[in-house]
Amino acid sequence: MELFIYIFAALFSVINPLGAVPIFVGLTQEDSKAERSRISFWAAVNVFIILLISFFIGRYVLAFFGISIDALRIAGGLIIVNSGFSLLTGKFNKTRGINKQVESDAQKRNDIALTPLAIPMLAGPGSISLLIALYEEYSTITQQTMACLAMAAVAVVIFLVMRSAHYLSRILGASGIVAISRIIGFIVIAIGIEYISSSIVNIIQAIDFN
């Protein structure tokens, strides 16, 4: 249960679905409630599939390119720290990985569940690199099952948050969402620094051992 909570908390902090609320509201402001629910559902499903693929297949991509897990953890840690700083400064919510042209194109399309919602707004480089690193740490069937359950739980939360996005936007307001995002941003920075520091220690120990 502790592993489930740890992975869930780490993924939720990095993905930060609350930070995507303002953009979701902007992209779906003219859609019906049923359409918003449909988009929310498929966005959550797409994120879950992307997370699963990253978790189970990511290591083989690393092996193909000859990238070590410590190098990935450092690169992913830097991305996660950068995302955390963006959350703290309030810059992350303004674009959330998409530019104005992409947002404009998305508003003209009927289905935005995959892009830009699932990618890159929710399942971005930070969460993907985090899961690849977690796969190397947790190799038993039980641990991987807990990881999959945590991913499913995050997907459920994403669905609930997106489905309630317009309501949350009215209740919390822009300032409330920013305040929560900044708290999450601090946690995200800590996660990123932990990954970077542990990888540097592993590299130094490997050098000393050799």
N, C-alpha and C. Protein backbone atom coordinates (compact mmCIF):
# COMPACT_ATOMS: atom_id res chain seq x y z
N MET A 1 0.83 -1.21 0.00
CA MET A 1 0.00 0.00 0.00
C MET A 1 0.87 1.26 0.00
N GLU A 2 1.99 1.21 0.70
CA GLU A 2 2.89 2.37 0.74
C GLU A 2 3.45 2.66 -0.65
N LEU A 3 3.77 1.59 -1.41
CA LEU A 3 4.28 1.76 -2.76
C LEU A 3 3.22 2.40 -3.65
N PHE A 4 1.98 1.95 -3.51
CA PHE A 4 0.87 2.52 -4.29
C PHE A 4 0.75 4.02 -4.02
N ILE A 5 0.77 4.39 -2.75
CA ILE A 5 0.63 5.80 -2.37
C ILE A 5 1.80 6.62 -2.90
N TYR A 6 3.02 6.05 -2.80
CA TYR A 6 4.21 6.77 -3.26
C TYR A 6 4.15 7.04 -4.76
N ILE A 7 3.84 6.01 -5.55
CA ILE A 7 3.79 6.17 -7.01
C ILE A 7 2.64 7.08 -7.41
N PHE A 8 1.49 6.91 -6.75
CA PHE A 8 0.33 7.77 -7.04
C PHE A 8 0.66 9.23 -6.78
N ALA A 9 1.26 9.50 -5.61
CA ALA A 9 1.58 10.88 -5.23
C ALA A 9 2.61 11.47 -6.19
N ALA A 10 3.62 10.68 -6.56
CA ALA A 10 4.65 11.18 -7.46
C ALA A 10 4.07 11.50 -8.83
N LEU A 11 3.27 10.58 -9.37
CA LEU A 11 2.66 10.79 -10.69
C LEU A 11 1.68 11.97 -10.68
N PHE A 12 0.85 12.01 -9.63
CA PHE A 12 -0.14 13.10 -9.55
C PHE A 12 0.55 14.45 -9.48
N SER A 13 1.65 14.52 -8.71
CA SER A 13 2.37 15.78 -8.57
C SER A 13 3.00 16.22 -9.88
N VAL A 14 3.58 15.26 -10.61
CA VAL A 14 4.25 15.60 -11.87
C VAL A 14 3.24 15.94 -12.95
N ILE A 15 2.16 15.15 -13.04
CA ILE A 15 1.14 15.39 -14.07
C ILE A 15 0.34 16.65 -13.75
N ASN A 16 -0.02 16.83 -12.47
CA ASN A 16 -0.76 18.01 -11.99
C ASN A 16 -1.99 18.31 -12.86
N PRO A 17 -3.02 17.48 -12.82
CA PRO A 17 -4.21 17.72 -13.63
C PRO A 17 -4.91 19.05 -13.33
N LEU A 18 -4.75 19.54 -12.09
CA LEU A 18 -5.37 20.83 -11.76
C LEU A 18 -4.80 21.96 -12.61
N GLY A 19 -3.51 21.83 -12.97
CA GLY A 19 -2.89 22.86 -13.79
C GLY A 19 -3.45 22.91 -15.20
N ALA A 20 -4.09 21.80 -15.63
CA ALA A 20 -4.66 21.75 -16.98
C ALA A 20 -6.10 22.25 -17.02
N VAL A 21 -6.68 22.53 -15.85
CA VAL A 21 -8.08 22.95 -15.78
C VAL A 21 -8.36 24.21 -16.62
N PRO A 22 -7.57 25.29 -16.48
CA PRO A 22 -7.88 26.50 -17.26
C PRO A 22 -7.88 26.26 -18.77
N ILE A 23 -6.93 25.47 -19.26
CA ILE A 23 -6.85 25.21 -20.69
C ILE A 23 -8.01 24.32 -21.13
N PHE A 24 -8.35 23.32 -20.31
CA PHE A 24 -9.49 22.46 -20.64
C PHE A 24 -10.77 23.29 -20.74
N VAL A 25 -10.93 24.21 -19.80
CA VAL A 25 -12.12 25.08 -19.82
C VAL A 25 -12.13 25.91 -21.10
N GLY A 26 -10.98 26.45 -21.48
CA GLY A 26 -10.91 27.27 -22.69
C GLY A 26 -11.20 26.48 -23.95
N LEU A 27 -10.73 25.23 -24.00
CA LEU A 27 -10.92 24.41 -25.20
C LEU A 27 -12.32 23.83 -25.32
N THR A 28 -13.04 23.73 -24.20
CA THR A 28 -14.35 23.08 -24.22
C THR A 28 -15.48 24.01 -23.80
N GLN A 29 -15.24 25.31 -23.83
CA GLN A 29 -16.24 26.24 -23.32
C GLN A 29 -17.55 26.24 -24.12
N GLU A 30 -17.50 25.82 -25.39
CA GLU A 30 -18.70 25.79 -26.21
C GLU A 30 -19.27 24.39 -26.37
N ASP A 31 -18.67 23.41 -25.71
CA ASP A 31 -19.16 22.04 -25.79
C ASP A 31 -20.24 21.78 -24.76
N SER A 32 -21.07 20.78 -25.03
CA SER A 32 -22.12 20.40 -24.09
C SER A 32 -21.51 19.64 -22.92
N LYS A 33 -22.29 19.46 -21.86
CA LYS A 33 -21.80 18.74 -20.68
C LYS A 33 -21.47 17.29 -21.03
N ALA A 34 -22.28 16.68 -21.88
CA ALA A 34 -22.03 15.30 -22.29
C ALA A 34 -20.73 15.20 -23.08
N GLU A 35 -20.50 16.17 -23.95
CA GLU A 35 -19.28 16.17 -24.75
C GLU A 35 -18.05 16.37 -23.87
N ARG A 36 -18.15 17.23 -22.89
CA ARG A 36 -17.04 17.44 -21.96
C ARG A 36 -16.73 16.16 -21.19
N SER A 37 -17.76 15.44 -20.78
CA SER A 37 -17.56 14.18 -20.06
C SER A 37 -16.88 13.16 -20.97
N ARG A 38 -17.28 13.12 -22.23
CA ARG A 38 -16.68 12.18 -23.18
C ARG A 38 -15.21 12.51 -23.39
N ILE A 39 -14.91 13.78 -23.58
CA ILE A 39 -13.52 14.20 -23.77
C ILE A 39 -12.69 13.89 -22.52
N SER A 40 -13.25 14.14 -21.35
CA SER A 40 -12.56 13.86 -20.09
C SER A 40 -12.24 12.38 -19.96
N PHE A 41 -13.23 11.54 -20.31
CA PHE A 41 -13.04 10.09 -20.20
C PHE A 41 -11.92 9.62 -21.12
N TRP A 42 -11.96 10.02 -22.38
CA TRP A 42 -10.96 9.54 -23.33
C TRP A 42 -9.59 10.15 -23.08
N ALA A 43 -9.55 11.35 -22.54
CA ALA A 43 -8.26 11.94 -22.16
C ALA A 43 -7.63 11.10 -21.06
N ALA A 44 -8.43 10.69 -20.08
CA ALA A 44 -7.92 9.87 -18.98
C ALA A 44 -7.47 8.50 -19.49
N VAL A 45 -8.25 7.91 -20.39
CA VAL A 45 -7.88 6.60 -20.97
C VAL A 45 -6.57 6.72 -21.75
N ASN A 46 -6.45 7.77 -22.55
CA ASN A 46 -5.23 7.96 -23.33
C ASN A 46 -4.01 8.14 -22.43
N VAL A 47 -4.18 8.91 -21.36
CA VAL A 47 -3.07 9.11 -20.42
C VAL A 47 -2.68 7.78 -19.79
N PHE A 48 -3.65 6.98 -19.40
CA PHE A 48 -3.37 5.67 -18.79
C PHE A 48 -2.59 4.77 -19.75
N ILE A 49 -3.00 4.75 -21.01
CA ILE A 49 -2.31 3.93 -22.00
C ILE A 49 -0.88 4.42 -22.22
N ILE A 50 -0.71 5.72 -22.30
CA ILE A 50 0.63 6.30 -22.48
C ILE A 50 1.53 5.97 -21.30
N LEU A 51 0.98 6.06 -20.09
CA LEU A 51 1.76 5.74 -18.89
C LEU A 51 2.15 4.26 -18.86
N LEU A 52 1.21 3.39 -19.24
CA LEU A 52 1.51 1.96 -19.27
C LEU A 52 2.62 1.64 -20.28
N ILE A 53 2.49 2.21 -21.47
CA ILE A 53 3.51 1.99 -22.51
C ILE A 53 4.87 2.48 -22.04
N SER A 54 4.90 3.66 -21.42
CA SER A 54 6.15 4.22 -20.92
C SER A 54 6.77 3.33 -19.86
N PHE A 55 5.92 2.79 -18.99
CA PHE A 55 6.40 1.98 -17.88
C PHE A 55 7.00 0.65 -18.35
N PHE A 56 6.33 -0.02 -19.28
CA PHE A 56 6.75 -1.36 -19.67
C PHE A 56 7.69 -1.40 -20.88
N ILE A 57 7.62 -0.41 -21.75
CA ILE A 57 8.42 -0.45 -22.98
C ILE A 57 9.56 0.56 -22.96
N GLY A 58 9.48 1.53 -22.07
CA GLY A 58 10.50 2.58 -22.03
C GLY A 58 11.92 2.07 -21.90
N ARG A 59 12.12 1.03 -21.10
CA ARG A 59 13.47 0.50 -20.86
C ARG A 59 14.09 -0.02 -22.15
N TYR A 60 13.27 -0.58 -23.04
CA TYR A 60 13.79 -1.12 -24.30
C TYR A 60 14.20 0.01 -25.25
N VAL A 61 13.48 1.12 -25.16
CA VAL A 61 13.87 2.29 -25.94
C VAL A 61 15.22 2.81 -25.47
N LEU A 62 15.41 2.82 -24.15
CA LEU A 62 16.69 3.23 -23.59
C LEU A 62 17.82 2.31 -24.05
N ALA A 63 17.55 1.00 -24.01
CA ALA A 63 18.56 0.03 -24.42
C ALA A 63 18.91 0.20 -25.90
N PHE A 64 17.92 0.49 -26.71
CA PHE A 64 18.16 0.67 -28.15
C PHE A 64 19.10 1.84 -28.41
N PHE A 65 18.91 2.92 -27.65
CA PHE A 65 19.75 4.11 -27.84
C PHE A 65 20.98 4.10 -26.95
N GLY A 66 21.14 3.06 -26.14
CA GLY A 66 22.31 2.96 -25.28
C GLY A 66 22.35 3.98 -24.17
N ILE A 67 21.18 4.32 -23.62
CA ILE A 67 21.08 5.31 -22.54
C ILE A 67 20.98 4.59 -21.21
N SER A 68 21.82 4.96 -20.26
CA SER A 68 21.78 4.32 -18.95
C SER A 68 20.61 4.87 -18.13
N ILE A 69 20.19 4.09 -17.13
CA ILE A 69 19.07 4.51 -16.30
C ILE A 69 19.42 5.74 -15.48
N ASP A 70 20.69 5.84 -15.05
CA ASP A 70 21.10 7.02 -14.27
C ASP A 70 21.07 8.28 -15.13
N ALA A 71 21.46 8.14 -16.39
CA ALA A 71 21.40 9.29 -17.30
C ALA A 71 19.95 9.72 -17.51
N LEU A 72 19.07 8.74 -17.64
CA LEU A 72 17.65 9.06 -17.80
C LEU A 72 17.10 9.74 -16.55
N ARG A 73 17.48 9.24 -15.38
CA ARG A 73 16.99 9.82 -14.14
C ARG A 73 17.45 11.26 -13.99
N ILE A 74 18.69 11.55 -14.39
CA ILE A 74 19.18 12.92 -14.31
C ILE A 74 18.43 13.82 -15.29
N ALA A 75 18.27 13.33 -16.54
CA ALA A 75 17.54 14.12 -17.54
C ALA A 75 16.09 14.32 -17.12
N GLY A 76 15.47 13.22 -16.66
CA GLY A 76 14.09 13.34 -16.20
C GLY A 76 13.97 14.23 -14.98
N GLY A 77 14.95 14.14 -14.08
CA GLY A 77 14.95 15.00 -12.90
C GLY A 77 15.02 16.47 -13.26
N LEU A 78 15.85 16.79 -14.26
CA LEU A 78 15.96 18.17 -14.71
C LEU A 78 14.63 18.67 -15.29
N ILE A 79 13.97 17.79 -16.07
CA ILE A 79 12.67 18.16 -16.64
C ILE A 79 11.64 18.37 -15.54
N ILE A 80 11.65 17.46 -14.55
CA ILE A 80 10.70 17.55 -13.44
C ILE A 80 10.94 18.82 -12.62
N VAL A 81 12.22 19.11 -12.34
CA VAL A 81 12.56 20.33 -11.59
C VAL A 81 12.11 21.57 -12.36
N ASN A 82 12.35 21.57 -13.67
CA ASN A 82 11.94 22.71 -14.50
C ASN A 82 10.42 22.89 -14.46
N SER A 83 9.68 21.77 -14.51
CA SER A 83 8.23 21.85 -14.42
C SER A 83 7.80 22.40 -13.06
N GLY A 84 8.51 21.97 -12.02
CA GLY A 84 8.19 22.46 -10.68
C GLY A 84 8.41 23.95 -10.54
N PHE A 85 9.53 24.45 -11.10
CA PHE A 85 9.79 25.89 -11.06
C PHE A 85 8.73 26.65 -11.86
N SER A 86 8.31 26.06 -12.98
CA SER A 86 7.26 26.70 -13.79
C SER A 86 5.96 26.80 -13.01
N LEU A 87 5.66 25.75 -12.23
CA LEU A 87 4.46 25.78 -11.40
C LEU A 87 4.56 26.85 -10.32
N LEU A 88 5.74 26.96 -9.71
CA LEU A 88 5.94 27.96 -8.66
C LEU A 88 5.82 29.38 -9.18
N THR A 89 6.31 29.60 -10.37
CA THR A 89 6.29 30.96 -10.94
C THR A 89 4.99 31.27 -11.67
N GLY A 90 4.11 30.26 -11.80
CA GLY A 90 2.82 30.49 -12.46
C GLY A 90 2.89 30.49 -13.96
N LYS A 91 4.01 30.07 -14.55
CA LYS A 91 4.15 30.08 -16.01
C LYS A 91 3.64 28.79 -16.64
N PHE A 92 3.56 27.73 -15.84
CA PHE A 92 3.20 26.43 -16.39
C PHE A 92 1.77 26.39 -16.90
N ASN A 93 0.87 27.05 -16.19
CA ASN A 93 -0.54 26.98 -16.54
C ASN A 93 -0.89 27.74 -17.80
N LYS A 94 -0.04 28.70 -18.17
CA LYS A 94 -0.38 29.54 -19.30
C LYS A 94 -0.30 28.80 -20.63
N THR A 95 0.64 27.89 -20.74
CA THR A 95 0.80 27.18 -22.01
C THR A 95 0.63 25.68 -21.85
N ARG A 96 1.13 25.14 -20.76
CA ARG A 96 1.05 23.71 -20.45
C ARG A 96 1.51 22.87 -21.63
N GLY A 97 2.60 23.29 -22.27
CA GLY A 97 3.19 22.50 -23.33
C GLY A 97 2.62 22.72 -24.71
N ILE A 98 1.69 23.66 -24.86
CA ILE A 98 1.13 23.92 -26.18
C ILE A 98 1.24 25.40 -26.49
N ASN A 99 1.41 25.71 -27.77
CA ASN A 99 1.48 27.11 -28.17
C ASN A 99 0.12 27.57 -28.70
N LYS A 100 0.02 28.83 -29.07
CA LYS A 100 -1.26 29.38 -29.49
C LYS A 100 -1.80 28.73 -30.75
N GLN A 101 -0.90 28.38 -31.67
CA GLN A 101 -1.33 27.75 -32.91
C GLN A 101 -1.94 26.38 -32.64
N VAL A 102 -1.30 25.60 -31.77
CA VAL A 102 -1.82 24.29 -31.42
C VAL A 102 -3.17 24.41 -30.71
N GLU A 103 -3.25 25.39 -29.81
CA GLU A 103 -4.52 25.60 -29.10
C GLU A 103 -5.63 26.00 -30.06
N SER A 104 -5.30 26.87 -31.03
CA SER A 104 -6.28 27.29 -32.01
C SER A 104 -6.74 26.13 -32.87
N ASP A 105 -5.79 25.28 -33.29
CA ASP A 105 -6.14 24.10 -34.09
C ASP A 105 -7.01 23.15 -33.28
N ALA A 106 -6.69 23.00 -31.99
CA ALA A 106 -7.46 22.10 -31.14
C ALA A 106 -8.90 22.54 -31.00
N GLN A 107 -9.11 23.85 -30.94
CA GLN A 107 -10.46 24.37 -30.78
C GLN A 107 -11.31 24.12 -32.04
N LYS A 108 -10.64 23.91 -33.17
CA LYS A 108 -11.36 23.67 -34.42
C LYS A 108 -11.65 22.19 -34.63
N ARG A 109 -11.01 21.32 -33.84
CA ARG A 109 -11.21 19.89 -33.99
C ARG A 109 -12.29 19.39 -33.05
N ASN A 110 -12.93 18.29 -33.43
CA ASN A 110 -13.99 17.72 -32.61
C ASN A 110 -13.44 16.97 -31.41
N ASP A 111 -12.27 16.37 -31.55
CA ASP A 111 -11.75 15.53 -30.48
C ASP A 111 -10.36 16.01 -30.07
N ILE A 112 -10.25 16.46 -28.83
CA ILE A 112 -8.97 16.96 -28.31
C ILE A 112 -8.46 16.05 -27.20
N ALA A 113 -9.07 14.88 -27.04
CA ALA A 113 -8.73 14.00 -25.93
C ALA A 113 -7.28 13.51 -25.99
N LEU A 114 -6.79 13.23 -27.21
CA LEU A 114 -5.42 12.73 -27.32
C LEU A 114 -4.43 13.89 -27.33
N THR A 115 -4.59 14.79 -28.28
CA THR A 115 -3.75 15.99 -28.33
C THR A 115 -4.67 17.20 -28.44
N PRO A 116 -4.45 18.22 -27.66
CA PRO A 116 -3.29 18.39 -26.78
C PRO A 116 -3.50 17.96 -25.32
N LEU A 117 -4.67 17.36 -24.99
CA LEU A 117 -4.94 17.06 -23.58
C LEU A 117 -4.01 15.98 -23.02
N ALA A 118 -4.09 14.76 -23.61
CA ALA A 118 -3.27 13.67 -23.09
C ALA A 118 -1.79 13.94 -23.31
N ILE A 119 -1.45 14.37 -24.53
CA ILE A 119 -0.07 14.75 -24.89
C ILE A 119 -0.12 16.14 -25.50
N PRO A 120 0.63 17.12 -25.03
CA PRO A 120 1.62 17.01 -23.95
C PRO A 120 1.16 17.56 -22.61
N MET A 121 -0.14 17.97 -22.51
CA MET A 121 -0.58 18.65 -21.30
C MET A 121 -0.48 17.78 -20.05
N LEU A 122 -0.87 16.52 -20.17
CA LEU A 122 -0.90 15.65 -18.98
C LEU A 122 0.26 14.66 -18.96
N ALA A 123 0.33 13.79 -19.92
CA ALA A 123 1.42 12.81 -19.98
C ALA A 123 2.59 13.42 -20.75
N GLY A 124 3.43 14.14 -20.05
CA GLY A 124 4.57 14.80 -20.66
C GLY A 124 5.88 14.07 -20.39
N PRO A 125 7.00 14.67 -20.77
CA PRO A 125 8.31 14.05 -20.58
C PRO A 125 8.62 13.71 -19.12
N GLY A 126 8.16 14.56 -18.20
CA GLY A 126 8.44 14.33 -16.79
C GLY A 126 7.84 13.03 -16.28
N SER A 127 6.56 12.80 -16.56
CA SER A 127 5.90 11.58 -16.09
C SER A 127 6.43 10.35 -16.81
N ILE A 128 6.75 10.49 -18.10
CA ILE A 128 7.26 9.35 -18.87
C ILE A 128 8.63 8.92 -18.34
N SER A 129 9.52 9.87 -18.14
CA SER A 129 10.86 9.53 -17.62
C SER A 129 10.76 9.00 -16.20
N LEU A 130 9.83 9.52 -15.41
CA LEU A 130 9.64 9.03 -14.05
C LEU A 130 9.24 7.56 -14.04
N LEU A 131 8.34 7.18 -14.93
CA LEU A 131 7.87 5.80 -14.97
C LEU A 131 8.94 4.84 -15.47
N ILE A 132 9.74 5.29 -16.43
CA ILE A 132 10.83 4.43 -16.92
C ILE A 132 11.80 4.14 -15.79
N ALA A 133 12.10 5.16 -15.00
CA ALA A 133 13.02 4.98 -13.87
C ALA A 133 12.39 4.08 -12.81
N LEU A 134 11.09 4.23 -12.58
CA LEU A 134 10.41 3.41 -11.57
C LEU A 134 10.40 1.94 -11.96
N TYR A 135 10.32 1.65 -13.25
CA TYR A 135 10.31 0.26 -13.71
C TYR A 135 11.61 -0.44 -13.33
N GLU A 136 12.72 0.30 -13.40
CA GLU A 136 14.01 -0.27 -13.04
C GLU A 136 14.11 -0.54 -11.54
N GLU A 137 13.38 0.24 -10.74
CA GLU A 137 13.44 0.07 -9.29
C GLU A 137 12.52 -1.04 -8.79
N TYR A 138 11.38 -1.19 -9.45
CA TYR A 138 10.37 -2.14 -8.99
C TYR A 138 10.15 -3.19 -10.05
N SER A 139 10.80 -4.34 -9.87
CA SER A 139 10.81 -5.36 -10.90
C SER A 139 9.94 -6.57 -10.60
N THR A 140 9.43 -6.70 -9.38
CA THR A 140 8.60 -7.86 -9.05
C THR A 140 7.18 -7.66 -9.57
N ILE A 141 6.46 -8.76 -9.73
CA ILE A 141 5.09 -8.71 -10.24
C ILE A 141 4.19 -7.89 -9.31
N THR A 142 4.37 -8.09 -8.01
CA THR A 142 3.55 -7.36 -7.04
C THR A 142 3.79 -5.86 -7.13
N GLN A 143 5.05 -5.47 -7.21
CA GLN A 143 5.39 -4.05 -7.30
C GLN A 143 4.85 -3.44 -8.59
N GLN A 144 5.00 -4.15 -9.69
CA GLN A 144 4.51 -3.64 -10.97
C GLN A 144 2.99 -3.57 -11.01
N THR A 145 2.34 -4.51 -10.32
CA THR A 145 0.88 -4.46 -10.22
C THR A 145 0.45 -3.22 -9.45
N MET A 146 1.14 -2.92 -8.35
CA MET A 146 0.85 -1.72 -7.57
C MET A 146 1.06 -0.46 -8.41
N ALA A 147 2.11 -0.48 -9.23
CA ALA A 147 2.40 0.66 -10.10
C ALA A 147 1.27 0.86 -11.11
N CYS A 148 0.78 -0.24 -11.69
CA CYS A 148 -0.32 -0.15 -12.65
C CYS A 148 -1.59 0.36 -11.99
N LEU A 149 -1.85 -0.11 -10.78
CA LEU A 149 -3.02 0.36 -10.04
C LEU A 149 -2.90 1.86 -9.72
N ALA A 150 -1.69 2.29 -9.40
CA ALA A 150 -1.47 3.72 -9.13
C ALA A 150 -1.71 4.54 -10.39
N MET A 151 -1.26 4.03 -11.54
CA MET A 151 -1.50 4.72 -12.81
C MET A 151 -2.99 4.79 -13.12
N ALA A 152 -3.70 3.70 -12.85
CA ALA A 152 -5.15 3.68 -13.07
C ALA A 152 -5.84 4.68 -12.16
N ALA A 153 -5.38 4.76 -10.90
CA ALA A 153 -5.97 5.71 -9.95
C ALA A 153 -5.74 7.15 -10.39
N VAL A 154 -4.54 7.42 -10.91
CA VAL A 154 -4.25 8.76 -11.43
C VAL A 154 -5.17 9.08 -12.61
N ALA A 155 -5.38 8.09 -13.48
CA ALA A 155 -6.26 8.29 -14.63
C ALA A 155 -7.69 8.60 -14.18
N VAL A 156 -8.15 7.91 -13.13
CA VAL A 156 -9.49 8.17 -12.59
C VAL A 156 -9.58 9.60 -12.05
N VAL A 157 -8.54 10.03 -11.34
CA VAL A 157 -8.53 11.39 -10.80
C VAL A 157 -8.52 12.41 -11.94
N ILE A 158 -7.76 12.13 -12.99
CA ILE A 158 -7.72 13.03 -14.15
C ILE A 158 -9.12 13.16 -14.75
N PHE A 159 -9.82 12.03 -14.89
CA PHE A 159 -11.20 12.07 -15.41
C PHE A 159 -12.10 12.92 -14.54
N LEU A 160 -12.01 12.72 -13.23
CA LEU A 160 -12.88 13.47 -12.31
C LEU A 160 -12.55 14.97 -12.35
N VAL A 161 -11.26 15.29 -12.40
CA VAL A 161 -10.85 16.71 -12.42
C VAL A 161 -11.29 17.36 -13.72
N MET A 162 -11.05 16.69 -14.85
CA MET A 162 -11.42 17.27 -16.14
C MET A 162 -12.94 17.40 -16.27
N ARG A 163 -13.64 16.39 -15.79
CA ARG A 163 -15.10 16.43 -15.87
C ARG A 163 -15.67 17.58 -15.04
N SER A 164 -14.99 17.89 -13.93
CA SER A 164 -15.44 18.96 -13.04
C SER A 164 -14.70 20.27 -13.29
N ALA A 165 -13.97 20.36 -14.41
CA ALA A 165 -13.09 21.50 -14.66
C ALA A 165 -13.84 22.83 -14.62
N HIS A 166 -14.97 22.91 -15.28
CA HIS A 166 -15.72 24.18 -15.33
C HIS A 166 -16.23 24.55 -13.94
N TYR A 167 -16.64 23.54 -13.18
CA TYR A 167 -17.10 23.80 -11.80
C TYR A 167 -15.94 24.24 -10.93
N LEU A 168 -14.80 23.53 -11.04
CA LEU A 168 -13.62 23.89 -10.25
C LEU A 168 -13.13 25.29 -10.60
N SER A 169 -13.21 25.61 -11.88
CA SER A 169 -12.76 26.93 -12.33
C SER A 169 -13.57 28.04 -11.69
N ARG A 170 -14.87 27.79 -11.53
CA ARG A 170 -15.74 28.80 -10.92
C ARG A 170 -15.52 28.86 -9.40
N ILE A 171 -15.36 27.70 -8.77
CA ILE A 171 -15.22 27.65 -7.32
C ILE A 171 -13.85 28.17 -6.86
N LEU A 172 -12.79 27.60 -7.45
CA LEU A 172 -11.45 27.97 -7.02
C LEU A 172 -11.00 29.30 -7.60
N GLY A 173 -11.41 29.56 -8.83
CA GLY A 173 -10.93 30.77 -9.50
C GLY A 173 -9.49 30.60 -9.94
N ALA A 174 -9.01 31.54 -10.71
CA ALA A 174 -7.64 31.47 -11.21
C ALA A 174 -6.63 31.48 -10.08
N SER A 175 -6.88 32.31 -9.06
CA SER A 175 -5.93 32.42 -7.95
C SER A 175 -5.87 31.14 -7.14
N GLY A 176 -7.01 30.48 -6.95
CA GLY A 176 -7.03 29.23 -6.20
C GLY A 176 -6.27 28.12 -6.90
N ILE A 177 -6.45 28.02 -8.22
CA ILE A 177 -5.75 27.01 -9.00
C ILE A 177 -4.25 27.27 -8.98
N VAL A 178 -3.87 28.54 -9.10
CA VAL A 178 -2.45 28.89 -9.07
C VAL A 178 -1.84 28.55 -7.71
N ALA A 179 -2.57 28.83 -6.64
CA ALA A 179 -2.07 28.54 -5.29
C ALA A 179 -1.83 27.04 -5.10
N ILE A 180 -2.78 26.22 -5.53
CA ILE A 180 -2.62 24.77 -5.41
C ILE A 180 -1.47 24.29 -6.29
N SER A 181 -1.37 24.83 -7.48
CA SER A 181 -0.30 24.43 -8.40
C SER A 181 1.07 24.77 -7.84
N ARG A 182 1.18 25.87 -7.13
CA ARG A 182 2.48 26.25 -6.56
C ARG A 182 2.88 25.32 -5.41
N ILE A 183 1.89 24.88 -4.65
CA ILE A 183 2.18 23.90 -3.59
C ILE A 183 2.66 22.59 -4.23
N ILE A 184 1.96 22.16 -5.27
CA ILE A 184 2.36 20.95 -5.98
C ILE A 184 3.72 21.14 -6.61
N GLY A 185 3.99 22.35 -7.11
CA GLY A 185 5.28 22.65 -7.74
C GLY A 185 6.44 22.42 -6.79
N PHE A 186 6.27 22.76 -5.53
CA PHE A 186 7.33 22.55 -4.54
C PHE A 186 7.61 21.06 -4.38
N ILE A 187 6.54 20.25 -4.35
CA ILE A 187 6.70 18.80 -4.23
C ILE A 187 7.39 18.25 -5.48
N VAL A 188 7.01 18.75 -6.64
CA VAL A 188 7.60 18.30 -7.90
C VAL A 188 9.10 18.58 -7.92
N ILE A 189 9.51 19.75 -7.46
CA ILE A 189 10.93 20.09 -7.42
C ILE A 189 11.68 19.11 -6.52
N ALA A 190 11.09 18.79 -5.37
CA ALA A 190 11.74 17.84 -4.45
C ALA A 190 11.90 16.48 -5.10
N ILE A 191 10.89 16.03 -5.85
CA ILE A 191 10.97 14.73 -6.55
C ILE A 191 12.10 14.76 -7.57
N GLY A 192 12.18 15.84 -8.34
CA GLY A 192 13.22 15.96 -9.36
C GLY A 192 14.62 15.98 -8.76
N ILE A 193 14.81 16.72 -7.68
CA ILE A 193 16.12 16.79 -7.03
C ILE A 193 16.51 15.44 -6.45
N GLU A 194 15.53 14.72 -5.90
CA GLU A 194 15.80 13.38 -5.36
C GLU A 194 16.30 12.44 -6.46
N TYR A 195 15.69 12.52 -7.64
CA TYR A 195 16.12 11.67 -8.74
C TYR A 195 17.52 12.04 -9.21
N ILE A 196 17.81 13.33 -9.29
CA ILE A 196 19.12 13.77 -9.75
C ILE A 196 20.20 13.37 -8.74
N SER A 197 19.96 13.65 -7.47
CA SER A 197 20.97 13.38 -6.44
C SER A 197 21.26 11.89 -6.31
N SER A 198 20.22 11.05 -6.35
CA SER A 198 20.43 9.60 -6.22
C SER A 198 21.20 9.06 -7.42
N SER A 199 20.95 9.59 -8.60
CA SER A 199 21.67 9.14 -9.80
C SER A 199 23.13 9.56 -9.75
N ILE A 200 23.41 10.76 -9.28
CA ILE A 200 24.79 11.22 -9.15
C ILE A 200 25.55 10.36 -8.15
N VAL A 201 24.90 10.01 -7.05
CA VAL A 201 25.52 9.13 -6.05
C VAL A 201 25.84 7.78 -6.67
N ASN A 202 24.91 7.23 -7.46
CA ASN A 202 25.13 5.94 -8.11
C ASN A 202 26.32 5.99 -9.07
N ILE A 203 26.43 7.08 -9.82
CA ILE A 203 27.52 7.23 -10.78
C ILE A 203 28.86 7.33 -10.05
N ILE A 204 28.90 8.12 -8.96
CA ILE A 204 30.14 8.28 -8.19
C ILE A 204 30.56 6.95 -7.56
N GLN A 205 29.58 6.21 -7.03
CA GLN A 205 29.89 4.91 -6.43
C GLN A 205 30.41 3.94 -7.47
N ALA A 206 29.87 3.98 -8.68
CA ALA A 206 30.33 3.09 -9.75
C ALA A 206 31.76 3.43 -10.16
N ILE A 207 32.09 4.73 -10.17
CA ILE A 207 33.44 5.17 -10.52
C ILE A 207 34.43 4.72 -9.45
N ASP A 208 34.05 4.91 -8.18
CA ASP A 208 34.93 4.52 -7.07
C ASP A 208 35.14 3.00 -7.06
N PHE A 209 34.08 2.25 -7.38
CA PHE A 209 34.17 0.80 -7.37
C PHE A 209 35.12 0.31 -8.46
N ASN A 210 35.08 1.00 -9.60
CA ASN A 210 35.96 0.61 -10.70
C ASN A 210 37.40 1.07 -10.45
